Amino acid sequence: MPSKKLSIIVFSGDFDRAVAAFTLATGAAAVNWEVNLFFTFWGLDIIKKKRGHSFIGKGLLARFFNFLLGGRKNLPLSRLNFGGISPQLMTGMMRSRNVATLDELIAAAQQLHIKFIACEMAMHILGLTRDDLIDDVKEVIGVPTFLQYSEDAQVLFI
């Protein structure tokens, strides 16, 4: 059983912040830490089934917001996004330097059995349902349950 725990609140839908969250998560899991990734608000974009722009969600405004967010395929860089091309450039740089890409980090997190958790309140606000998320999301929970899972854990907010 893991002796240390890490819980990461994935609030941002920015490409570089997603890479940071998954790098920390997979690194911790690789040394046998228990890891929870709690996706909320814009971070939910990373774990949507539809990876591109799509009108998902309940209600017109929710569908519009979810379309604009763009899915994992369209995560912007937090700085110097250059009209959306920077994540592709960054991915190319990562590959050329033998650094795991975001998709590879997500696959590693899945293989390492990192717990993917979605925020119930944020999903409700954005009109998302469990069916809108990748199958690796095992739970949709509220903050009190997340706090229970994070008891005695190192908690990071990215």
Protein backbone atom coordinates (compact mmCIF):
# COMPACT_ATOMS: atom_id res chain seq x y z
CA MET A 1 0.00 0.00 0.00
CA PRO A 2 1.37 3.46 -0.85
CA SER A 3 2.70 5.36 2.16
CA LYS A 4 2.45 8.82 0.62
CA LYS A 5 -0.41 10.57 -1.15
CA LEU A 6 -0.65 13.36 -3.70
CA SER A 7 -3.86 15.09 -4.72
CA ILE A 8 -3.74 17.53 -7.61
CA ILE A 9 -6.58 19.93 -8.31
CA VAL A 10 -6.50 20.37 -12.09
CA PHE A 11 -8.29 23.70 -12.50
CA SER A 12 -6.58 24.98 -15.63
CA GLY A 13 -7.26 23.86 -19.17
CA ASP A 14 -3.90 25.18 -20.37
CA PHE A 15 -1.64 22.75 -22.22
CA ASP A 16 1.51 23.49 -20.20
CA ARG A 17 -0.32 23.25 -16.89
CA ALA A 18 -1.87 19.94 -17.94
CA VAL A 19 1.62 18.66 -18.78
CA ALA A 20 2.85 19.79 -15.35
CA ALA A 21 -0.07 18.12 -13.54
CA PHE A 22 0.39 14.81 -15.36
CA THR A 23 4.19 14.91 -15.00
CA LEU A 24 3.90 15.34 -11.24
CA ALA A 25 1.13 12.73 -11.02
CA THR A 26 2.96 10.06 -13.01
CA GLY A 27 6.24 10.76 -11.23
CA ALA A 28 4.58 10.33 -7.84
CA ALA A 29 2.74 7.18 -8.92
CA ALA A 30 5.96 5.72 -10.33
CA VAL A 31 7.48 5.84 -6.84
CA ASN A 32 4.37 4.23 -5.37
CA TRP A 33 2.46 7.29 -4.12
CA GLU A 34 -1.32 7.19 -4.18
CA VAL A 35 -2.38 9.91 -6.65
CA ASN A 36 -5.73 11.63 -7.18
CA LEU A 37 -6.34 14.05 -10.06
CA PHE A 38 -9.40 16.19 -9.34
CA PHE A 39 -10.52 17.94 -12.55
CA THR A 40 -12.64 21.03 -12.11
CA PHE A 41 -13.86 23.87 -14.34
CA TRP A 42 -11.50 24.36 -17.32
CA GLY A 43 -9.49 21.29 -16.28
CA LEU A 44 -12.49 19.17 -17.29
CA ASP A 45 -11.59 19.96 -20.91
CA ILE A 46 -8.61 17.59 -20.58
CA ILE A 47 -10.80 14.58 -19.79
CA LYS A 48 -13.66 15.03 -22.24
CA LYS A 49 -14.28 12.14 -24.64
CA LYS A 50 -14.57 14.50 -27.59
CA ARG A 51 -11.08 15.86 -28.04
CA GLY A 52 -12.01 18.73 -30.37
CA HIS A 53 -14.57 21.51 -30.49
CA SER A 54 -17.99 20.03 -29.80
CA PHE A 55 -21.39 21.25 -28.69
CA ILE A 56 -21.81 19.08 -25.59
CA GLY A 57 -23.64 19.84 -22.38
CA LYS A 58 -27.15 20.61 -21.27
CA GLY A 59 -28.50 23.98 -22.35
CA LEU A 60 -27.52 26.48 -25.02
CA LEU A 61 -25.00 28.43 -22.94
CA ALA A 62 -23.30 25.24 -21.68
CA ARG A 63 -23.04 23.91 -25.23
CA PHE A 64 -21.53 27.22 -26.37
CA PHE A 65 -18.96 27.26 -23.53
CA ASN A 66 -17.97 23.64 -24.17
CA PHE A 67 -17.57 24.34 -27.88
CA LEU A 68 -15.32 27.33 -27.20
CA LEU A 69 -13.17 25.36 -24.76
CA GLY A 70 -12.24 23.04 -27.60
CA GLY A 71 -11.32 19.78 -25.87
CA ARG A 72 -7.87 18.31 -25.25
CA LYS A 73 -6.87 18.73 -28.90
CA ASN A 74 -7.20 22.51 -28.56
CA LEU A 75 -5.71 23.27 -25.13
CA PRO A 76 -3.94 26.64 -25.34
CA LEU A 77 -0.50 27.39 -23.98
CA SER A 78 -0.83 29.67 -20.94
CA ARG A 79 1.62 32.16 -22.45
CA LEU A 80 2.80 32.74 -26.00
CA ASN A 81 -0.01 30.70 -27.54
CA PHE A 82 0.55 32.26 -30.99
CA GLY A 83 -2.98 31.80 -32.25
CA GLY A 84 -3.20 28.22 -31.03
CA ILE A 85 -0.13 26.79 -32.75
CA SER A 86 2.13 26.74 -29.68
CA PRO A 87 0.84 23.43 -28.20
CA GLN A 88 1.70 21.67 -31.48
CA LEU A 89 5.14 23.32 -31.49
CA MET A 90 5.67 22.37 -27.85
CA THR A 91 4.61 18.76 -28.54
CA GLY A 92 7.12 18.62 -31.39
CA MET A 93 9.86 19.96 -29.12
CA MET A 94 8.93 17.37 -26.48
CA ARG A 95 9.15 14.54 -29.02
CA SER A 96 12.47 15.76 -30.43
CA ARG A 97 13.93 15.78 -26.92
CA ASN A 98 12.47 12.39 -25.94
CA VAL A 99 10.16 13.92 -23.34
CA ALA A 100 6.72 12.38 -22.87
CA THR A 101 3.95 14.31 -24.64
CA LEU A 102 0.66 15.14 -22.94
CA ASP A 103 -1.07 12.19 -24.60
CA GLU A 104 1.77 9.89 -23.49
CA LEU A 105 1.58 11.25 -19.93
CA ILE A 106 -2.17 10.65 -19.84
CA ALA A 107 -1.64 7.08 -21.08
CA ALA A 108 1.03 6.57 -18.40
CA ALA A 109 -1.34 7.91 -15.73
CA GLN A 110 -3.94 5.39 -16.88
CA GLN A 111 -1.43 2.54 -16.73
CA LEU A 112 -0.25 3.64 -13.27
CA HIS A 113 -3.86 3.54 -12.02
CA ILE A 114 -3.94 7.19 -11.05
CA LYS A 115 -7.43 8.08 -9.94
CA PHE A 116 -9.16 10.49 -12.34
CA ILE A 117 -11.97 12.33 -10.52
CA ALA A 118 -14.37 14.95 -11.88
CA CYS A 119 -15.83 17.80 -9.86
CA GLU A 120 -19.57 17.42 -9.53
CA MET A 121 -20.27 21.15 -9.10
CA ALA A 122 -18.18 22.22 -12.12
CA MET A 123 -19.83 19.55 -14.27
CA HIS A 124 -23.23 20.78 -13.18
CA ILE A 125 -22.36 24.40 -14.03
CA LEU A 126 -20.95 23.43 -17.45
CA GLY A 127 -23.90 21.13 -18.15
CA LEU A 128 -21.68 18.05 -18.53
CA THR A 129 -22.66 14.47 -17.74
CA ARG A 130 -20.54 11.43 -16.91
CA ASP A 131 -21.02 10.27 -20.51
CA ASP A 132 -19.14 13.37 -21.74
CA LEU A 133 -15.95 12.23 -19.99
CA ILE A 134 -13.36 9.57 -20.81
CA ASP A 135 -13.90 6.15 -19.28
CA ASP A 136 -10.90 6.57 -16.96
CA VAL A 137 -12.89 9.02 -14.85
CA LYS A 138 -14.08 6.65 -12.16
CA GLU A 139 -15.95 9.11 -9.98
CA VAL A 140 -17.79 12.40 -10.05
CA ILE A 141 -17.64 13.81 -6.55
CA GLY A 142 -18.06 16.96 -4.51
CA VAL A 143 -15.49 18.82 -2.48
CA PRO A 144 -16.22 17.04 0.84
CA THR A 145 -15.43 13.64 -0.68
CA PHE A 146 -12.32 15.01 -2.39
CA LEU A 147 -11.14 16.36 0.97
CA GLN A 148 -11.63 12.91 2.50
CA TYR A 149 -9.58 11.35 -0.30
CA SER A 150 -6.90 13.99 0.26
CA GLU A 151 -6.57 13.53 4.01
CA ASP A 152 -2.84 13.37 4.89
CA ALA A 153 -1.93 14.08 1.26
CA GLN A 154 0.22 16.72 -0.35
CA VAL A 155 -2.30 18.89 -2.25
CA LEU A 156 -1.35 20.93 -5.31
CA PHE A 157 -3.51 23.36 -7.30
CA ILE A 158 -2.62 23.61 -10.99
